[in-house]
């Protein structure tokens, strides 16, 4: 089964999705306490978390991969969403100060249950994320874990989500639902001449307000 942007939007409007959004936004905000004047982008379906920084970041954009499709966001005002090729992002060098990407933890329970979006796609281990980042010339600087509540919409579980976060950090820290990693790009490789033509083919497709969801095959 393939999830698209409509499926993800539907999840985040439900009780469990709203709880996930609240928990992760708090953890992200704890790491990014001040984004004034910064250029911030989210890759994937990151709009539930990017909304925290509206009116604060100098530039804010939601980059949604073609395989996922895109929805206009925010619902009112100019759209900040773009449909992109996730392999070749339409960002110039030094165009972003922060890029947000939320991925499921391979060791966590959320990646094993397909009743939430975290049970689809490719979960990552810490070592896999390290390799992925280093292959892209990023150096991991800090690791954090979040989303410890079991992925079930049971009242006994959803009643105290903050308690589950505190217990998880102490009792089973590496078995979280998601991994948060901070990385910096310290090495800049020269671009071969043959790459310039490919870079010229990069395209960014803005999603206008009121547009119908666009979904393309990978």
N, C-alpha and C. Protein backbone atom coordinates (compact mmCIF):
# COMPACT_ATOMS: atom_id res chain seq x y z
N UNK A 1 0.84 -1.20 0.00
CA UNK A 1 0.00 0.00 0.00
C UNK A 1 0.87 1.25 0.00
N UNK A 2 0.44 2.25 -0.76
CA UNK A 2 1.18 3.50 -0.84
C UNK A 2 0.37 4.63 -0.22
N UNK A 3 0.97 5.38 0.67
CA UNK A 3 0.30 6.52 1.27
C UNK A 3 0.63 7.78 0.48
N UNK A 4 -0.36 8.63 0.31
CA UNK A 4 -0.11 9.91 -0.35
C UNK A 4 -0.42 11.04 0.61
N UNK A 5 -0.32 12.27 0.11
CA UNK A 5 -0.47 13.44 0.97
C UNK A 5 -1.86 13.51 1.61
N UNK A 6 -2.88 13.04 0.91
CA UNK A 6 -4.23 13.06 1.47
C UNK A 6 -4.33 12.11 2.66
N UNK A 7 -3.73 10.92 2.54
CA UNK A 7 -3.73 9.96 3.66
C UNK A 7 -3.05 10.55 4.88
N UNK A 8 -1.92 11.22 4.65
CA UNK A 8 -1.17 11.80 5.76
C UNK A 8 -1.92 12.95 6.41
N UNK A 9 -2.55 13.78 5.61
CA UNK A 9 -3.34 14.87 6.17
C UNK A 9 -4.47 14.31 7.03
N UNK A 10 -5.10 13.23 6.55
CA UNK A 10 -6.19 12.62 7.31
C UNK A 10 -5.70 12.08 8.64
N UNK A 11 -4.52 11.47 8.66
CA UNK A 11 -3.97 10.94 9.91
C UNK A 11 -3.77 12.05 10.94
N UNK A 12 -3.22 13.17 10.51
CA UNK A 12 -2.92 14.24 11.45
C UNK A 12 -4.15 15.02 11.91
N UNK A 13 -5.32 14.74 11.33
CA UNK A 13 -6.55 15.35 11.83
C UNK A 13 -7.23 14.48 12.88
N UNK A 14 -6.78 13.21 12.98
CA UNK A 14 -7.37 12.31 13.97
C UNK A 14 -6.69 12.47 15.33
N UNK A 15 -7.30 11.90 16.36
CA UNK A 15 -6.81 12.09 17.72
C UNK A 15 -5.36 11.64 17.88
N UNK A 16 -5.03 10.45 17.38
CA UNK A 16 -3.66 9.95 17.52
C UNK A 16 -2.68 10.84 16.76
N UNK A 17 -3.07 11.27 15.58
CA UNK A 17 -2.21 12.14 14.79
C UNK A 17 -1.97 13.48 15.45
N UNK A 18 -3.02 14.04 16.05
CA UNK A 18 -2.86 15.32 16.75
C UNK A 18 -1.91 15.17 17.93
N UNK A 19 -1.99 14.04 18.61
CA UNK A 19 -1.09 13.80 19.73
C UNK A 19 0.36 13.69 19.26
N UNK A 20 0.57 12.96 18.15
CA UNK A 20 1.91 12.82 17.58
C UNK A 20 2.47 14.19 17.22
N UNK A 21 1.65 14.98 16.56
CA UNK A 21 2.08 16.32 16.15
C UNK A 21 2.48 17.16 17.36
N UNK A 22 1.69 17.09 18.42
CA UNK A 22 1.98 17.89 19.61
C UNK A 22 3.29 17.44 20.27
N UNK A 23 3.49 16.14 20.38
CA UNK A 23 4.70 15.63 21.02
C UNK A 23 5.96 15.97 20.23
N UNK A 24 5.91 15.76 18.92
CA UNK A 24 7.09 16.00 18.10
C UNK A 24 7.39 17.48 17.93
N UNK A 25 6.35 18.29 17.84
CA UNK A 25 6.58 19.73 17.75
C UNK A 25 7.30 20.24 18.99
N UNK A 26 6.94 19.69 20.15
CA UNK A 26 7.60 20.12 21.38
C UNK A 26 9.08 19.73 21.37
N UNK A 27 9.38 18.53 20.88
CA UNK A 27 10.78 18.09 20.85
C UNK A 27 11.58 18.88 19.82
N UNK A 28 10.97 19.17 18.68
CA UNK A 28 11.66 19.96 17.66
C UNK A 28 11.91 21.38 18.15
N UNK A 29 10.89 21.95 18.78
CA UNK A 29 11.05 23.31 19.31
C UNK A 29 12.13 23.37 20.38
N UNK A 30 12.29 22.31 21.16
CA UNK A 30 13.33 22.29 22.18
C UNK A 30 14.72 22.38 21.56
N UNK A 31 14.87 21.85 20.34
CA UNK A 31 16.16 21.91 19.65
C UNK A 31 16.31 23.18 18.84
N UNK A 32 15.21 23.65 18.27
CA UNK A 32 15.23 24.86 17.45
C UNK A 32 14.46 25.96 18.18
N UNK A 33 15.09 26.53 19.18
CA UNK A 33 14.39 27.48 20.04
C UNK A 33 14.21 28.84 19.40
N UNK A 34 15.06 29.20 18.45
CA UNK A 34 14.97 30.53 17.85
C UNK A 34 15.36 30.43 16.37
N UNK A 35 14.38 30.60 15.50
CA UNK A 35 14.63 30.53 14.06
C UNK A 35 14.41 31.88 13.38
N UNK A 36 14.44 32.94 14.13
CA UNK A 36 14.23 34.26 13.55
C UNK A 36 15.29 34.56 12.50
N UNK A 37 14.83 34.98 11.32
CA UNK A 37 15.74 35.33 10.25
C UNK A 37 16.32 34.16 9.50
N UNK A 38 15.91 32.92 9.83
CA UNK A 38 16.48 31.74 9.19
C UNK A 38 15.58 31.24 8.05
N UNK A 39 16.20 30.47 7.15
CA UNK A 39 15.48 29.86 6.03
C UNK A 39 15.25 28.40 6.37
N UNK A 40 14.00 28.01 6.52
CA UNK A 40 13.64 26.69 7.03
C UNK A 40 12.77 25.96 6.01
N UNK A 41 13.12 24.69 5.74
CA UNK A 41 12.35 23.88 4.81
C UNK A 41 12.07 22.52 5.45
N UNK A 42 10.97 21.91 5.04
CA UNK A 42 10.65 20.56 5.49
C UNK A 42 10.57 19.66 4.28
N UNK A 43 11.15 18.47 4.35
CA UNK A 43 11.13 17.51 3.26
C UNK A 43 10.21 16.36 3.62
N UNK A 44 9.30 16.01 2.71
CA UNK A 44 8.29 15.01 3.00
C UNK A 44 7.01 15.71 3.45
N UNK A 45 6.18 15.03 4.21
CA UNK A 45 4.96 15.66 4.71
C UNK A 45 5.28 16.29 6.07
N UNK A 46 5.89 17.45 6.03
CA UNK A 46 6.38 18.10 7.24
C UNK A 46 5.52 19.26 7.70
N UNK A 47 4.43 19.54 7.01
CA UNK A 47 3.63 20.72 7.37
C UNK A 47 3.06 20.69 8.78
N UNK A 48 2.71 19.51 9.37
CA UNK A 48 2.22 19.54 10.75
C UNK A 48 3.24 20.09 11.73
N UNK A 49 4.52 20.01 11.38
CA UNK A 49 5.59 20.48 12.26
C UNK A 49 6.09 21.87 11.87
N UNK A 50 6.05 22.19 10.58
CA UNK A 50 6.50 23.50 10.12
C UNK A 50 5.60 24.62 10.61
N UNK A 51 4.33 24.30 10.86
CA UNK A 51 3.40 25.35 11.29
C UNK A 51 3.87 26.05 12.56
N UNK A 52 4.68 25.38 13.34
CA UNK A 52 5.22 25.95 14.57
C UNK A 52 6.05 27.20 14.30
N UNK A 53 6.64 27.29 13.10
CA UNK A 53 7.60 28.35 12.81
C UNK A 53 7.05 29.44 11.90
N UNK A 54 5.76 29.38 11.58
CA UNK A 54 5.17 30.45 10.76
C UNK A 54 5.23 31.78 11.50
N UNK A 55 5.61 32.81 10.79
CA UNK A 55 5.73 34.12 11.40
C UNK A 55 7.05 34.32 12.11
N UNK A 56 7.89 33.28 12.17
CA UNK A 56 9.18 33.39 12.84
C UNK A 56 10.33 33.25 11.86
N UNK A 57 10.33 32.18 11.07
CA UNK A 57 11.40 31.98 10.09
C UNK A 57 11.30 33.01 8.98
N UNK A 58 12.44 33.41 8.46
CA UNK A 58 12.47 34.38 7.36
C UNK A 58 11.88 33.78 6.09
N UNK A 59 12.25 32.52 5.82
CA UNK A 59 11.70 31.76 4.70
C UNK A 59 11.23 30.42 5.22
N UNK A 60 10.06 30.00 4.78
CA UNK A 60 9.50 28.72 5.22
C UNK A 60 8.90 28.02 4.01
N UNK A 61 9.27 26.75 3.81
CA UNK A 61 8.74 26.03 2.66
C UNK A 61 8.59 24.55 2.92
N UNK A 62 7.55 23.95 2.34
CA UNK A 62 7.30 22.52 2.45
C UNK A 62 7.62 21.87 1.12
N UNK A 63 8.66 21.04 1.09
CA UNK A 63 9.10 20.36 -0.13
C UNK A 63 8.53 18.95 -0.13
N UNK A 64 7.54 18.69 -0.96
CA UNK A 64 6.87 17.40 -0.97
C UNK A 64 7.29 16.59 -2.19
N UNK A 65 7.83 15.37 -1.99
CA UNK A 65 8.31 14.54 -3.10
C UNK A 65 7.19 14.18 -4.06
N UNK A 66 7.56 14.00 -5.33
CA UNK A 66 6.57 13.70 -6.36
C UNK A 66 5.81 12.42 -6.06
N UNK A 67 6.47 11.41 -5.50
CA UNK A 67 5.81 10.15 -5.20
C UNK A 67 4.76 10.27 -4.11
N UNK A 68 4.88 11.30 -3.29
CA UNK A 68 3.94 11.53 -2.20
C UNK A 68 2.76 12.38 -2.66
N UNK A 69 3.02 13.28 -3.59
CA UNK A 69 2.01 14.24 -3.98
C UNK A 69 2.06 15.44 -3.05
N UNK A 70 1.31 16.46 -3.35
CA UNK A 70 1.37 17.68 -2.56
C UNK A 70 -0.01 18.29 -2.38
N UNK A 71 -0.16 18.97 -1.27
CA UNK A 71 -1.37 19.72 -0.98
C UNK A 71 -0.97 21.16 -0.69
N UNK A 72 -1.79 22.13 -1.07
CA UNK A 72 -1.45 23.52 -0.75
C UNK A 72 -1.46 23.74 0.76
N UNK A 73 -0.48 24.46 1.23
CA UNK A 73 -0.34 24.78 2.66
C UNK A 73 0.33 26.13 2.79
N UNK A 74 -0.14 26.96 3.70
CA UNK A 74 -1.29 26.78 4.60
C UNK A 74 -2.62 26.92 3.85
N UNK A 75 -3.70 26.65 4.54
CA UNK A 75 -5.01 26.69 3.89
C UNK A 75 -5.42 28.09 3.49
N UNK A 76 -4.91 29.09 4.22
CA UNK A 76 -5.20 30.49 3.87
C UNK A 76 -3.90 31.21 3.56
N UNK A 77 -3.97 32.11 2.57
CA UNK A 77 -2.80 32.87 2.20
C UNK A 77 -2.00 32.19 1.11
N UNK A 78 -0.87 32.79 0.73
CA UNK A 78 -0.03 32.21 -0.33
C UNK A 78 0.46 30.81 0.03
N UNK A 79 0.48 29.92 -0.94
CA UNK A 79 0.94 28.55 -0.70
C UNK A 79 2.45 28.51 -0.51
N UNK A 80 2.88 27.75 0.49
CA UNK A 80 4.31 27.57 0.78
C UNK A 80 4.77 26.16 0.42
N UNK A 81 3.99 25.46 -0.39
CA UNK A 81 4.27 24.08 -0.76
C UNK A 81 4.82 24.00 -2.17
N UNK A 82 5.76 23.07 -2.37
CA UNK A 82 6.29 22.82 -3.71
C UNK A 82 6.44 21.32 -3.93
N UNK A 83 6.13 20.86 -5.13
CA UNK A 83 6.30 19.47 -5.52
C UNK A 83 7.71 19.33 -6.10
N UNK A 84 8.53 18.43 -5.55
CA UNK A 84 9.94 18.39 -5.91
C UNK A 84 10.41 16.97 -6.20
N UNK A 85 11.58 16.88 -6.80
CA UNK A 85 12.31 15.63 -6.95
C UNK A 85 13.16 15.48 -5.69
N UNK A 86 12.89 14.45 -4.88
CA UNK A 86 13.59 14.32 -3.60
C UNK A 86 15.07 14.00 -3.77
N UNK A 87 15.48 13.53 -4.95
CA UNK A 87 16.89 13.25 -5.19
C UNK A 87 17.66 14.51 -5.55
N UNK A 88 17.00 15.43 -6.24
CA UNK A 88 17.65 16.68 -6.64
C UNK A 88 16.78 17.84 -6.18
N UNK A 89 16.96 18.25 -4.95
CA UNK A 89 16.14 19.33 -4.40
C UNK A 89 16.48 20.65 -5.10
N UNK A 90 15.47 21.45 -5.38
CA UNK A 90 15.69 22.71 -6.09
C UNK A 90 16.18 23.82 -5.17
N UNK A 91 17.24 23.54 -4.41
CA UNK A 91 17.80 24.52 -3.48
C UNK A 91 19.24 24.82 -3.88
N UNK A 92 19.56 26.07 -3.98
CA UNK A 92 20.94 26.46 -4.26
C UNK A 92 21.79 26.23 -3.02
N UNK A 93 23.12 26.24 -3.20
CA UNK A 93 24.03 26.12 -2.06
C UNK A 93 23.75 27.25 -1.07
N UNK A 94 23.77 26.90 0.21
CA UNK A 94 23.55 27.83 1.30
C UNK A 94 22.17 28.49 1.24
N UNK A 95 21.20 27.79 0.62
CA UNK A 95 19.84 28.34 0.52
C UNK A 95 19.00 28.05 1.75
N UNK A 96 19.46 27.14 2.61
CA UNK A 96 18.68 26.74 3.78
C UNK A 96 19.55 26.73 5.03
N UNK A 97 18.97 27.23 6.11
CA UNK A 97 19.64 27.15 7.41
C UNK A 97 19.22 25.90 8.19
N UNK A 98 17.98 25.44 7.98
CA UNK A 98 17.48 24.25 8.63
C UNK A 98 16.60 23.47 7.64
N UNK A 99 16.76 22.16 7.62
CA UNK A 99 15.88 21.29 6.83
C UNK A 99 15.35 20.20 7.77
N UNK A 100 14.04 20.06 7.83
CA UNK A 100 13.39 19.10 8.74
C UNK A 100 12.96 17.86 7.96
N UNK A 101 13.33 16.70 8.47
CA UNK A 101 12.91 15.41 7.89
C UNK A 101 12.61 14.46 9.03
N UNK A 102 11.35 14.00 9.14
CA UNK A 102 10.93 13.09 10.20
C UNK A 102 10.91 11.68 9.66
N UNK A 103 11.70 10.76 10.26
CA UNK A 103 11.76 9.38 9.78
C UNK A 103 11.50 8.41 10.93
N UNK A 104 10.87 7.27 10.65
CA UNK A 104 10.61 6.28 11.71
C UNK A 104 11.87 5.54 12.12
N UNK A 105 11.91 5.16 13.38
CA UNK A 105 13.03 4.40 13.94
C UNK A 105 12.82 2.91 13.67
N UNK A 106 13.79 2.26 13.04
CA UNK A 106 13.66 0.85 12.69
C UNK A 106 13.47 -0.03 13.93
N UNK A 107 13.99 0.37 15.07
CA UNK A 107 13.90 -0.44 16.28
C UNK A 107 12.62 -0.20 17.06
N UNK A 108 11.86 0.82 16.67
CA UNK A 108 10.68 1.17 17.43
C UNK A 108 9.42 0.43 16.99
N UNK A 109 8.42 0.44 17.86
CA UNK A 109 7.16 -0.25 17.59
C UNK A 109 6.36 0.44 16.48
N UNK A 110 6.49 1.75 16.36
CA UNK A 110 5.71 2.49 15.36
C UNK A 110 6.02 2.04 13.95
N UNK A 111 7.25 1.62 13.69
CA UNK A 111 7.63 1.18 12.34
C UNK A 111 7.08 -0.20 12.02
N UNK A 112 6.56 -0.91 13.01
CA UNK A 112 6.09 -2.29 12.82
C UNK A 112 4.56 -2.39 12.75
N UNK A 113 3.88 -1.29 12.93
CA UNK A 113 2.42 -1.27 12.93
C UNK A 113 1.94 -0.38 11.80
N UNK A 114 1.13 -0.92 10.89
CA UNK A 114 0.74 -0.15 9.71
C UNK A 114 -0.56 0.63 9.88
N UNK A 115 -0.94 0.91 11.11
CA UNK A 115 -2.13 1.73 11.34
C UNK A 115 -1.80 3.21 11.40
N UNK A 116 -0.52 3.55 11.28
CA UNK A 116 -0.09 4.95 11.22
C UNK A 116 0.90 5.08 10.06
N UNK A 117 1.16 6.30 9.58
CA UNK A 117 2.11 6.49 8.47
C UNK A 117 3.53 6.01 8.77
N UNK A 118 3.90 5.92 10.05
CA UNK A 118 5.25 5.49 10.40
C UNK A 118 5.48 4.02 10.11
N UNK A 119 4.43 3.27 9.83
CA UNK A 119 4.56 1.86 9.50
C UNK A 119 4.72 1.60 8.02
N UNK A 120 4.83 2.66 7.21
CA UNK A 120 5.00 2.51 5.77
C UNK A 120 6.35 3.09 5.35
N UNK A 121 6.80 2.73 4.17
CA UNK A 121 8.06 3.26 3.69
C UNK A 121 9.24 2.57 4.34
N UNK A 122 10.33 3.31 4.46
CA UNK A 122 11.59 2.74 4.96
C UNK A 122 11.95 3.33 6.31
N UNK A 123 11.89 2.53 7.38
CA UNK A 123 12.40 3.00 8.68
C UNK A 123 13.92 2.99 8.66
N UNK A 124 14.52 3.71 9.57
CA UNK A 124 15.99 3.83 9.59
C UNK A 124 16.54 3.48 10.96
N UNK A 125 17.71 2.89 10.96
CA UNK A 125 18.47 2.72 12.19
C UNK A 125 19.44 3.90 12.29
N UNK A 126 20.06 4.04 13.44
CA UNK A 126 21.02 5.13 13.62
C UNK A 126 22.19 4.98 12.65
N UNK A 127 22.66 3.76 12.48
CA UNK A 127 23.80 3.56 11.57
C UNK A 127 23.42 3.85 10.13
N UNK A 128 22.18 3.50 9.73
CA UNK A 128 21.74 3.79 8.37
C UNK A 128 21.62 5.29 8.13
N UNK A 129 21.10 6.01 9.12
CA UNK A 129 21.02 7.46 8.99
C UNK A 129 22.40 8.09 8.93
N UNK A 130 23.32 7.58 9.72
CA UNK A 130 24.69 8.10 9.70
C UNK A 130 25.30 7.95 8.31
N UNK A 131 25.14 6.77 7.71
CA UNK A 131 25.69 6.54 6.38
C UNK A 131 25.02 7.43 5.34
N UNK A 132 23.69 7.55 5.44
CA UNK A 132 22.96 8.38 4.49
C UNK A 132 23.43 9.83 4.56
N UNK A 133 23.60 10.33 5.75
CA UNK A 133 24.03 11.71 5.91
C UNK A 133 25.47 11.91 5.44
N UNK A 134 26.34 10.98 5.77
CA UNK A 134 27.74 11.13 5.37
C UNK A 134 27.91 11.00 3.86
N UNK A 135 27.08 10.16 3.24
CA UNK A 135 27.12 10.06 1.78
C UNK A 135 26.73 11.38 1.13
N UNK A 136 25.90 12.15 1.82
CA UNK A 136 25.48 13.46 1.31
C UNK A 136 26.36 14.58 1.86
N UNK A 137 27.49 14.20 2.47
CA UNK A 137 28.47 15.14 3.01
C UNK A 137 27.95 15.94 4.20
N UNK A 138 27.15 15.28 5.04
CA UNK A 138 26.70 15.87 6.29
C UNK A 138 27.34 15.12 7.44
N UNK A 139 27.63 15.83 8.50
CA UNK A 139 28.22 15.23 9.69
C UNK A 139 27.20 15.26 10.83
N UNK A 140 26.73 14.09 11.32
CA UNK A 140 25.80 14.08 12.47
C UNK A 140 26.44 14.71 13.70
N UNK A 141 25.70 15.58 14.35
CA UNK A 141 26.23 16.29 15.52
C UNK A 141 25.51 15.91 16.81
N UNK A 142 24.25 15.55 16.71
CA UNK A 142 23.50 15.22 17.92
C UNK A 142 22.34 14.29 17.61
N UNK A 143 22.10 13.33 18.51
CA UNK A 143 21.03 12.35 18.31
C UNK A 143 20.00 12.47 19.43
N UNK A 144 18.73 12.40 19.05
CA UNK A 144 17.65 12.50 20.01
C UNK A 144 16.54 11.53 19.59
N UNK A 145 15.79 11.06 20.57
CA UNK A 145 14.74 10.09 20.31
C UNK A 145 13.40 10.60 20.85
N UNK A 146 12.32 10.27 20.15
CA UNK A 146 11.00 10.77 20.56
C UNK A 146 9.92 9.79 20.13
N UNK A 147 8.73 9.95 20.71
CA UNK A 147 7.53 9.18 20.41
C UNK A 147 7.62 7.76 20.99
N UNK A 148 7.40 7.69 22.29
CA UNK A 148 7.52 6.42 23.01
C UNK A 148 6.18 5.75 23.30
N UNK A 149 5.11 6.48 23.19
CA UNK A 149 3.81 5.88 23.45
C UNK A 149 3.51 4.81 22.41
N UNK A 150 2.96 3.67 22.78
CA UNK A 150 2.59 2.66 21.78
C UNK A 150 1.63 3.24 20.75
N UNK A 151 1.73 2.82 19.49
CA UNK A 151 0.96 3.43 18.39
C UNK A 151 -0.48 2.94 18.29
N UNK A 152 -1.20 3.04 19.39
CA UNK A 152 -2.59 2.59 19.42
C UNK A 152 -3.48 3.68 20.00
N UNK A 153 -4.64 3.85 19.44
CA UNK A 153 -5.54 4.90 19.87
C UNK A 153 -6.42 4.42 21.03
N UNK A 154 -5.77 3.98 22.09
CA UNK A 154 -6.46 3.52 23.27
C UNK A 154 -6.45 4.63 24.32
N UNK A 155 -7.57 4.84 24.95
CA UNK A 155 -7.67 5.94 25.90
C UNK A 155 -6.66 5.83 27.02
N UNK A 156 -6.43 4.63 27.49
CA UNK A 156 -5.48 4.43 28.59
C UNK A 156 -4.06 4.83 28.19
N UNK A 157 -3.78 4.82 26.86
CA UNK A 157 -2.45 5.21 26.38
C UNK A 157 -2.39 6.69 26.03
N UNK A 158 -3.43 7.18 25.37
CA UNK A 158 -3.41 8.57 24.89
C UNK A 158 -3.71 9.58 25.99
N UNK A 159 -4.10 9.10 27.15
CA UNK A 159 -4.45 10.03 28.22
C UNK A 159 -3.23 10.73 28.82
N UNK A 160 -2.09 10.04 28.81
CA UNK A 160 -0.88 10.62 29.40
C UNK A 160 0.31 10.50 28.44
N UNK A 161 0.27 11.13 27.28
CA UNK A 161 1.37 11.00 26.32
C UNK A 161 2.70 11.54 26.85
N UNK A 162 2.66 12.62 27.62
CA UNK A 162 3.91 13.18 28.15
C UNK A 162 4.57 12.22 29.14
N UNK A 163 3.75 11.48 29.88
CA UNK A 163 4.31 10.49 30.81
C UNK A 163 5.04 9.40 30.05
N UNK A 164 4.46 8.94 28.93
CA UNK A 164 5.13 7.93 28.12
C UNK A 164 6.47 8.44 27.59
N UNK A 165 6.53 9.71 27.22
CA UNK A 165 7.79 10.28 26.74
C UNK A 165 8.85 10.25 27.83
N UNK A 166 8.48 10.64 29.02
CA UNK A 166 9.47 10.66 30.11
C UNK A 166 9.92 9.25 30.47
N UNK A 167 8.97 8.30 30.53
CA UNK A 167 9.34 6.92 30.84
C UNK A 167 10.23 6.33 29.77
N UNK A 168 9.89 6.58 28.50
CA UNK A 168 10.67 6.03 27.41
C UNK A 168 12.09 6.51 27.38
N UNK A 169 12.28 7.80 27.64
CA UNK A 169 13.63 8.36 27.64
C UNK A 169 14.52 7.71 28.69
N UNK A 170 13.90 7.24 29.78
CA UNK A 170 14.66 6.62 30.87
C UNK A 170 14.78 5.11 30.70
N UNK A 171 13.67 4.44 30.36
CA UNK A 171 13.63 2.98 30.39
C UNK A 171 14.04 2.31 29.07
N UNK A 172 13.64 2.88 27.93
CA UNK A 172 13.98 2.26 26.64
C UNK A 172 14.29 3.34 25.61
N UNK A 173 15.35 4.11 25.82
CA UNK A 173 15.63 5.30 25.01
C UNK A 173 15.81 5.05 23.52
N UNK A 174 16.36 3.91 23.12
CA UNK A 174 16.63 3.70 21.69
C UNK A 174 15.48 3.03 20.95
N UNK A 175 14.36 2.79 21.64
CA UNK A 175 13.22 2.13 21.00
C UNK A 175 12.08 3.13 20.75
N UNK A 176 12.43 4.33 20.43
CA UNK A 176 11.45 5.38 20.17
C UNK A 176 10.78 5.17 18.82
N UNK A 177 9.71 5.94 18.58
CA UNK A 177 9.04 5.87 17.30
C UNK A 177 9.81 6.55 16.18
N UNK A 178 10.49 7.63 16.52
CA UNK A 178 11.27 8.37 15.52
C UNK A 178 12.64 8.72 16.09
N UNK A 179 13.55 9.00 15.17
CA UNK A 179 14.89 9.46 15.52
C UNK A 179 15.02 10.90 15.04
N UNK A 180 15.55 11.76 15.91
CA UNK A 180 15.84 13.13 15.54
C UNK A 180 17.35 13.29 15.52
N UNK A 181 17.89 13.72 14.39
CA UNK A 181 19.34 13.90 14.28
C UNK A 181 19.63 15.30 13.76
N UNK A 182 20.61 15.93 14.37
CA UNK A 182 21.08 17.24 13.90
C UNK A 182 22.41 17.02 13.18
N UNK A 183 22.52 17.59 12.00
CA UNK A 183 23.71 17.41 11.19
C UNK A 183 24.12 18.72 10.54
N UNK A 184 25.39 18.88 10.30
CA UNK A 184 25.90 20.07 9.62
C UNK A 184 26.67 19.66 8.39
N UNK A 185 26.66 20.51 7.39
CA UNK A 185 27.40 20.25 6.16
C UNK A 185 28.70 21.03 6.23
N UNK A 186 29.79 20.30 6.39
CA UNK A 186 31.08 20.95 6.59
C UNK A 186 32.01 20.80 5.39
N UNK A 187 31.69 19.88 4.50
CA UNK A 187 32.54 19.64 3.34
C UNK A 187 31.76 19.96 2.09
N UNK A 188 32.32 20.74 1.22
CA UNK A 188 31.66 21.12 -0.03
C UNK A 188 32.48 20.59 -1.20
N UNK A 189 31.89 19.68 -1.93
CA UNK A 189 32.60 19.08 -3.06
C UNK A 189 32.41 19.94 -4.29
N UNK A 190 33.42 19.99 -5.13
CA UNK A 190 33.33 20.72 -6.40
C UNK A 190 32.38 19.99 -7.33
N UNK A 191 31.62 20.73 -8.09
CA UNK A 191 30.66 20.13 -9.02
C UNK A 191 31.33 19.92 -10.37
N UNK A 192 31.42 18.69 -10.87
CA UNK A 192 32.00 18.45 -12.19
C UNK A 192 31.21 19.19 -13.27
N UNK A 193 31.88 19.46 -14.38
CA UNK A 193 31.24 20.19 -15.47
C UNK A 193 30.04 19.46 -15.98
N UNK A 194 30.10 18.10 -16.06
CA UNK A 194 28.99 17.35 -16.60
C UNK A 194 27.75 17.42 -15.73
N UNK A 195 27.92 17.82 -14.46
CA UNK A 195 26.78 17.92 -13.57
C UNK A 195 25.97 19.19 -13.81
N UNK A 196 26.58 20.19 -14.44
CA UNK A 196 25.88 21.46 -14.58
C UNK A 196 24.61 21.32 -15.40
N UNK A 197 24.65 20.45 -16.43
CA UNK A 197 23.47 20.26 -17.26
C UNK A 197 22.35 19.61 -16.46
N UNK A 198 22.70 18.63 -15.61
CA UNK A 198 21.69 17.98 -14.79
C UNK A 198 21.10 18.96 -13.78
N UNK A 199 21.97 19.81 -13.21
CA UNK A 199 21.47 20.80 -12.27
C UNK A 199 20.52 21.77 -12.94
N UNK A 200 20.80 22.06 -14.20
CA UNK A 200 19.93 22.98 -14.93
C UNK A 200 18.54 22.41 -15.15
N UNK A 201 18.41 21.06 -15.06
CA UNK A 201 17.13 20.43 -15.29
C UNK A 201 16.26 20.39 -14.04
N UNK A 202 16.81 20.84 -12.91
CA UNK A 202 16.04 20.82 -11.69
C UNK A 202 14.84 21.75 -11.82
N UNK A 203 13.73 21.30 -11.36
CA UNK A 203 12.53 22.11 -11.46
C UNK A 203 11.79 22.11 -10.13
N UNK A 204 11.22 23.20 -9.81
CA UNK A 204 10.39 23.30 -8.62
C UNK A 204 8.98 23.62 -9.08
N UNK A 205 8.02 22.87 -8.63
CA UNK A 205 6.63 23.05 -9.05
C UNK A 205 5.83 23.59 -7.88
N UNK A 206 5.52 24.88 -7.85
CA UNK A 206 4.73 25.41 -6.74
C UNK A 206 3.32 24.86 -6.78
N UNK A 207 2.75 24.70 -5.61
CA UNK A 207 1.37 24.21 -5.51
C UNK A 207 0.48 25.38 -5.14
N UNK A 208 -0.33 25.87 -6.07
CA UNK A 208 -1.16 27.04 -5.79
C UNK A 208 -2.29 26.72 -4.84
N UNK A 209 -2.76 27.72 -4.17
CA UNK A 209 -3.90 27.55 -3.27
C UNK A 209 -5.10 27.05 -4.07
N UNK A 210 -5.80 26.06 -3.49
CA UNK A 210 -6.97 25.51 -4.16
C UNK A 210 -6.66 24.43 -5.17
N UNK A 211 -5.39 24.07 -5.30
CA UNK A 211 -5.03 23.06 -6.29
C UNK A 211 -5.46 21.68 -5.83
N UNK A 212 -5.73 20.81 -6.79
CA UNK A 212 -6.05 19.40 -6.49
C UNK A 212 -4.74 18.69 -6.21
N UNK A 213 -4.76 17.72 -5.31
CA UNK A 213 -3.57 16.95 -4.99
C UNK A 213 -2.95 16.36 -6.25
N UNK A 214 -1.63 16.51 -6.37
CA UNK A 214 -0.91 15.94 -7.50
C UNK A 214 -0.16 14.72 -7.03
N UNK A 215 -0.30 13.61 -7.75
CA UNK A 215 0.40 12.39 -7.37
C UNK A 215 1.05 11.79 -8.60
N UNK A 216 2.36 11.62 -8.54
CA UNK A 216 3.11 11.08 -9.66
C UNK A 216 3.77 9.78 -9.25
N UNK A 217 4.04 8.92 -10.22
CA UNK A 217 4.74 7.67 -9.94
C UNK A 217 6.22 7.96 -9.72
N UNK A 218 6.86 7.12 -8.90
CA UNK A 218 8.30 7.28 -8.70
C UNK A 218 9.04 6.92 -9.97
